[in-house]
Every structure is written in structure tokens, then in C-alpha cells.
Amino acid sequence: MSIAFGVTHAWAMRLIERLAQEGVLSPLGQARRNRLYGAREILQALEEPSYAEEAY
């Protein structure tokens, strides 16, 4: 994320942590390093068959 947005790693981690505290992002696994975060509600909506049919 830091490279994609042109910010330091520390700044990117602060942003991710803030979004996690607000409930926007949540960890997608149990890893202690190289954690992957995602917006579960958005990911679930994208996986629903009805959403996929409406998109096309």
C-alpha cells in the first residue's frame, strides 16, 4: 500500500489501523507478519451471484 499511494510504510500502517478501528477493514487471516486486510462486506457482496448477474 505504501508504494501504491506514495507514503511511508509507517503512515500506511497507521491508515490501515485506523480503518480497522472504524470497522472498514478487517484482517483476512491469522498471520502476524505480512497481514492482509480487506473490506469483508464489499468482498461478500461481490461474491453474491445476484451481484455478479447485475454487473453484466
N, C-alpha and C. Protein backbone atom coordinates (compact mmCIF):
# COMPACT_ATOMS: atom_id res chain seq x y z
N MET A 1 0.82 -1.18 0.00
CA MET A 1 0.00 0.00 0.00
C MET A 1 0.86 1.25 0.00
N SER A 2 1.96 1.21 0.73
CA SER A 2 2.79 2.41 0.82
C SER A 2 3.34 2.80 -0.55
N ILE A 3 3.74 1.83 -1.35
CA ILE A 3 4.26 2.13 -2.68
C ILE A 3 3.14 2.64 -3.59
N ALA A 4 2.00 1.99 -3.55
CA ALA A 4 0.88 2.38 -4.41
C ALA A 4 0.42 3.81 -4.16
N PHE A 5 0.45 4.24 -2.91
CA PHE A 5 -0.04 5.58 -2.58
C PHE A 5 1.08 6.58 -2.32
N GLY A 6 2.32 6.15 -2.44
CA GLY A 6 3.45 7.06 -2.28
C GLY A 6 3.62 7.60 -0.87
N VAL A 7 3.35 6.76 0.13
CA VAL A 7 3.53 7.16 1.53
C VAL A 7 4.50 6.18 2.19
N THR A 8 4.98 6.54 3.36
CA THR A 8 5.89 5.65 4.08
C THR A 8 5.13 4.44 4.60
N HIS A 9 5.88 3.39 4.91
CA HIS A 9 5.28 2.17 5.46
C HIS A 9 4.56 2.48 6.77
N ALA A 10 5.20 3.29 7.62
CA ALA A 10 4.60 3.64 8.91
C ALA A 10 3.27 4.37 8.72
N TRP A 11 3.22 5.28 7.77
CA TRP A 11 1.98 6.03 7.50
C TRP A 11 0.90 5.09 6.98
N ALA A 12 1.27 4.20 6.08
CA ALA A 12 0.30 3.24 5.53
C ALA A 12 -0.26 2.36 6.65
N MET A 13 0.60 1.92 7.56
CA MET A 13 0.14 1.08 8.66
C MET A 13 -0.81 1.85 9.58
N ARG A 14 -0.54 3.13 9.81
CA ARG A 14 -1.44 3.95 10.62
C ARG A 14 -2.81 4.08 9.95
N LEU A 15 -2.81 4.27 8.64
CA LEU A 15 -4.08 4.37 7.91
C LEU A 15 -4.87 3.07 7.98
N ILE A 16 -4.18 1.96 7.78
CA ILE A 16 -4.83 0.65 7.85
C ILE A 16 -5.39 0.41 9.24
N GLU A 17 -4.61 0.73 10.27
CA GLU A 17 -5.05 0.53 11.64
C GLU A 17 -6.28 1.39 11.94
N ARG A 18 -6.30 2.61 11.46
CA ARG A 18 -7.46 3.49 11.67
C ARG A 18 -8.69 2.94 10.97
N LEU A 19 -8.54 2.47 9.73
CA LEU A 19 -9.67 1.88 9.01
C LEU A 19 -10.15 0.61 9.70
N ALA A 20 -9.24 -0.15 10.29
CA ALA A 20 -9.63 -1.35 11.03
C ALA A 20 -10.41 -0.97 12.29
N GLN A 21 -9.97 0.07 12.99
CA GLN A 21 -10.67 0.52 14.20
C GLN A 21 -12.08 1.02 13.87
N GLU A 22 -12.24 1.62 12.70
CA GLU A 22 -13.54 2.13 12.28
C GLU A 22 -14.44 1.03 11.72
N GLY A 23 -13.90 -0.18 11.57
CA GLY A 23 -14.68 -1.31 11.07
C GLY A 23 -14.75 -1.40 9.56
N VAL A 24 -13.99 -0.57 8.86
CA VAL A 24 -13.98 -0.60 7.40
C VAL A 24 -13.17 -1.78 6.90
N LEU A 25 -12.01 -2.01 7.51
CA LEU A 25 -11.14 -3.12 7.14
C LEU A 25 -11.05 -4.10 8.29
N SER A 26 -10.77 -5.35 7.96
CA SER A 26 -10.51 -6.36 8.98
C SER A 26 -9.47 -7.32 8.44
N PRO A 27 -8.67 -7.94 9.34
CA PRO A 27 -7.67 -8.89 8.88
C PRO A 27 -8.35 -10.08 8.20
N LEU A 28 -7.76 -10.56 7.12
CA LEU A 28 -8.33 -11.69 6.38
C LEU A 28 -7.65 -13.00 6.71
N GLY A 29 -6.80 -13.01 7.70
CA GLY A 29 -6.12 -14.23 8.11
C GLY A 29 -5.56 -14.07 9.51
N GLN A 30 -4.76 -15.05 9.91
CA GLN A 30 -4.19 -15.04 11.25
C GLN A 30 -2.71 -14.69 11.27
N ALA A 31 -2.15 -14.31 10.14
CA ALA A 31 -0.71 -14.02 10.06
C ALA A 31 -0.34 -12.86 10.97
N ARG A 32 0.84 -12.97 11.57
CA ARG A 32 1.34 -11.89 12.41
C ARG A 32 2.17 -10.90 11.59
N ARG A 33 2.73 -11.37 10.49
CA ARG A 33 3.51 -10.52 9.58
C ARG A 33 2.86 -10.59 8.21
N ASN A 34 3.10 -9.57 7.42
CA ASN A 34 2.54 -9.52 6.06
C ASN A 34 1.03 -9.76 6.07
N ARG A 35 0.36 -9.11 7.00
CA ARG A 35 -1.08 -9.28 7.14
C ARG A 35 -1.83 -8.73 5.93
N LEU A 36 -2.90 -9.39 5.61
CA LEU A 36 -3.77 -8.98 4.52
C LEU A 36 -5.08 -8.48 5.12
N TYR A 37 -5.48 -7.29 4.75
CA TYR A 37 -6.73 -6.70 5.23
C TYR A 37 -7.70 -6.55 4.07
N GLY A 38 -8.97 -6.58 4.39
CA GLY A 38 -9.97 -6.39 3.35
C GLY A 38 -11.25 -5.84 3.94
N ALA A 39 -12.10 -5.35 3.08
CA ALA A 39 -13.42 -4.87 3.47
C ALA A 39 -14.38 -6.04 3.26
N ARG A 40 -14.61 -6.79 4.31
CA ARG A 40 -15.39 -8.04 4.21
C ARG A 40 -16.77 -7.84 3.58
N GLU A 41 -17.47 -6.80 3.96
CA GLU A 41 -18.82 -6.58 3.42
C GLU A 41 -18.78 -6.38 1.91
N ILE A 42 -17.79 -5.67 1.43
CA ILE A 42 -17.66 -5.47 -0.01
C ILE A 42 -17.29 -6.77 -0.69
N LEU A 43 -16.34 -7.51 -0.11
CA LEU A 43 -15.94 -8.79 -0.70
C LEU A 43 -17.11 -9.77 -0.74
N GLN A 44 -17.91 -9.81 0.32
CA GLN A 44 -19.08 -10.70 0.35
C GLN A 44 -20.11 -10.29 -0.69
N ALA A 45 -20.33 -9.01 -0.85
CA ALA A 45 -21.30 -8.54 -1.85
C ALA A 45 -20.85 -8.92 -3.25
N LEU A 46 -19.55 -8.83 -3.50
CA LEU A 46 -19.04 -9.17 -4.83
C LEU A 46 -19.14 -10.66 -5.12
N GLU A 47 -19.15 -11.48 -4.06
CA GLU A 47 -19.24 -12.93 -4.24
C GLU A 47 -20.68 -13.41 -4.43
N GLU A 48 -21.66 -12.58 -4.13
CA GLU A 48 -23.06 -12.99 -4.26
C GLU A 48 -23.42 -13.13 -5.74
N PRO A 49 -24.07 -14.23 -6.11
CA PRO A 49 -24.44 -14.45 -7.52
C PRO A 49 -25.30 -13.33 -8.09
N SER A 50 -26.23 -12.80 -7.31
CA SER A 50 -27.11 -11.75 -7.83
C SER A 50 -26.33 -10.51 -8.21
N TYR A 51 -25.30 -10.18 -7.46
CA TYR A 51 -24.47 -9.01 -7.78
C TYR A 51 -23.73 -9.23 -9.09
N ALA A 52 -23.19 -10.41 -9.26
CA ALA A 52 -22.44 -10.72 -10.48
C ALA A 52 -23.34 -10.65 -11.70
N GLU A 53 -24.57 -11.12 -11.58
CA GLU A 53 -25.51 -11.09 -12.71
C GLU A 53 -25.89 -9.66 -13.06
N GLU A 54 -26.08 -8.79 -12.06
CA GLU A 54 -26.45 -7.41 -12.31
C GLU A 54 -25.31 -6.63 -12.95
N ALA A 55 -24.08 -7.02 -12.67
CA ALA A 55 -22.92 -6.30 -13.18
C ALA A 55 -22.77 -6.48 -14.69
N TYR A 56 -23.32 -7.57 -15.22
CA TYR A 56 -23.18 -7.83 -16.65
C TYR A 56 -24.46 -7.51 -17.31
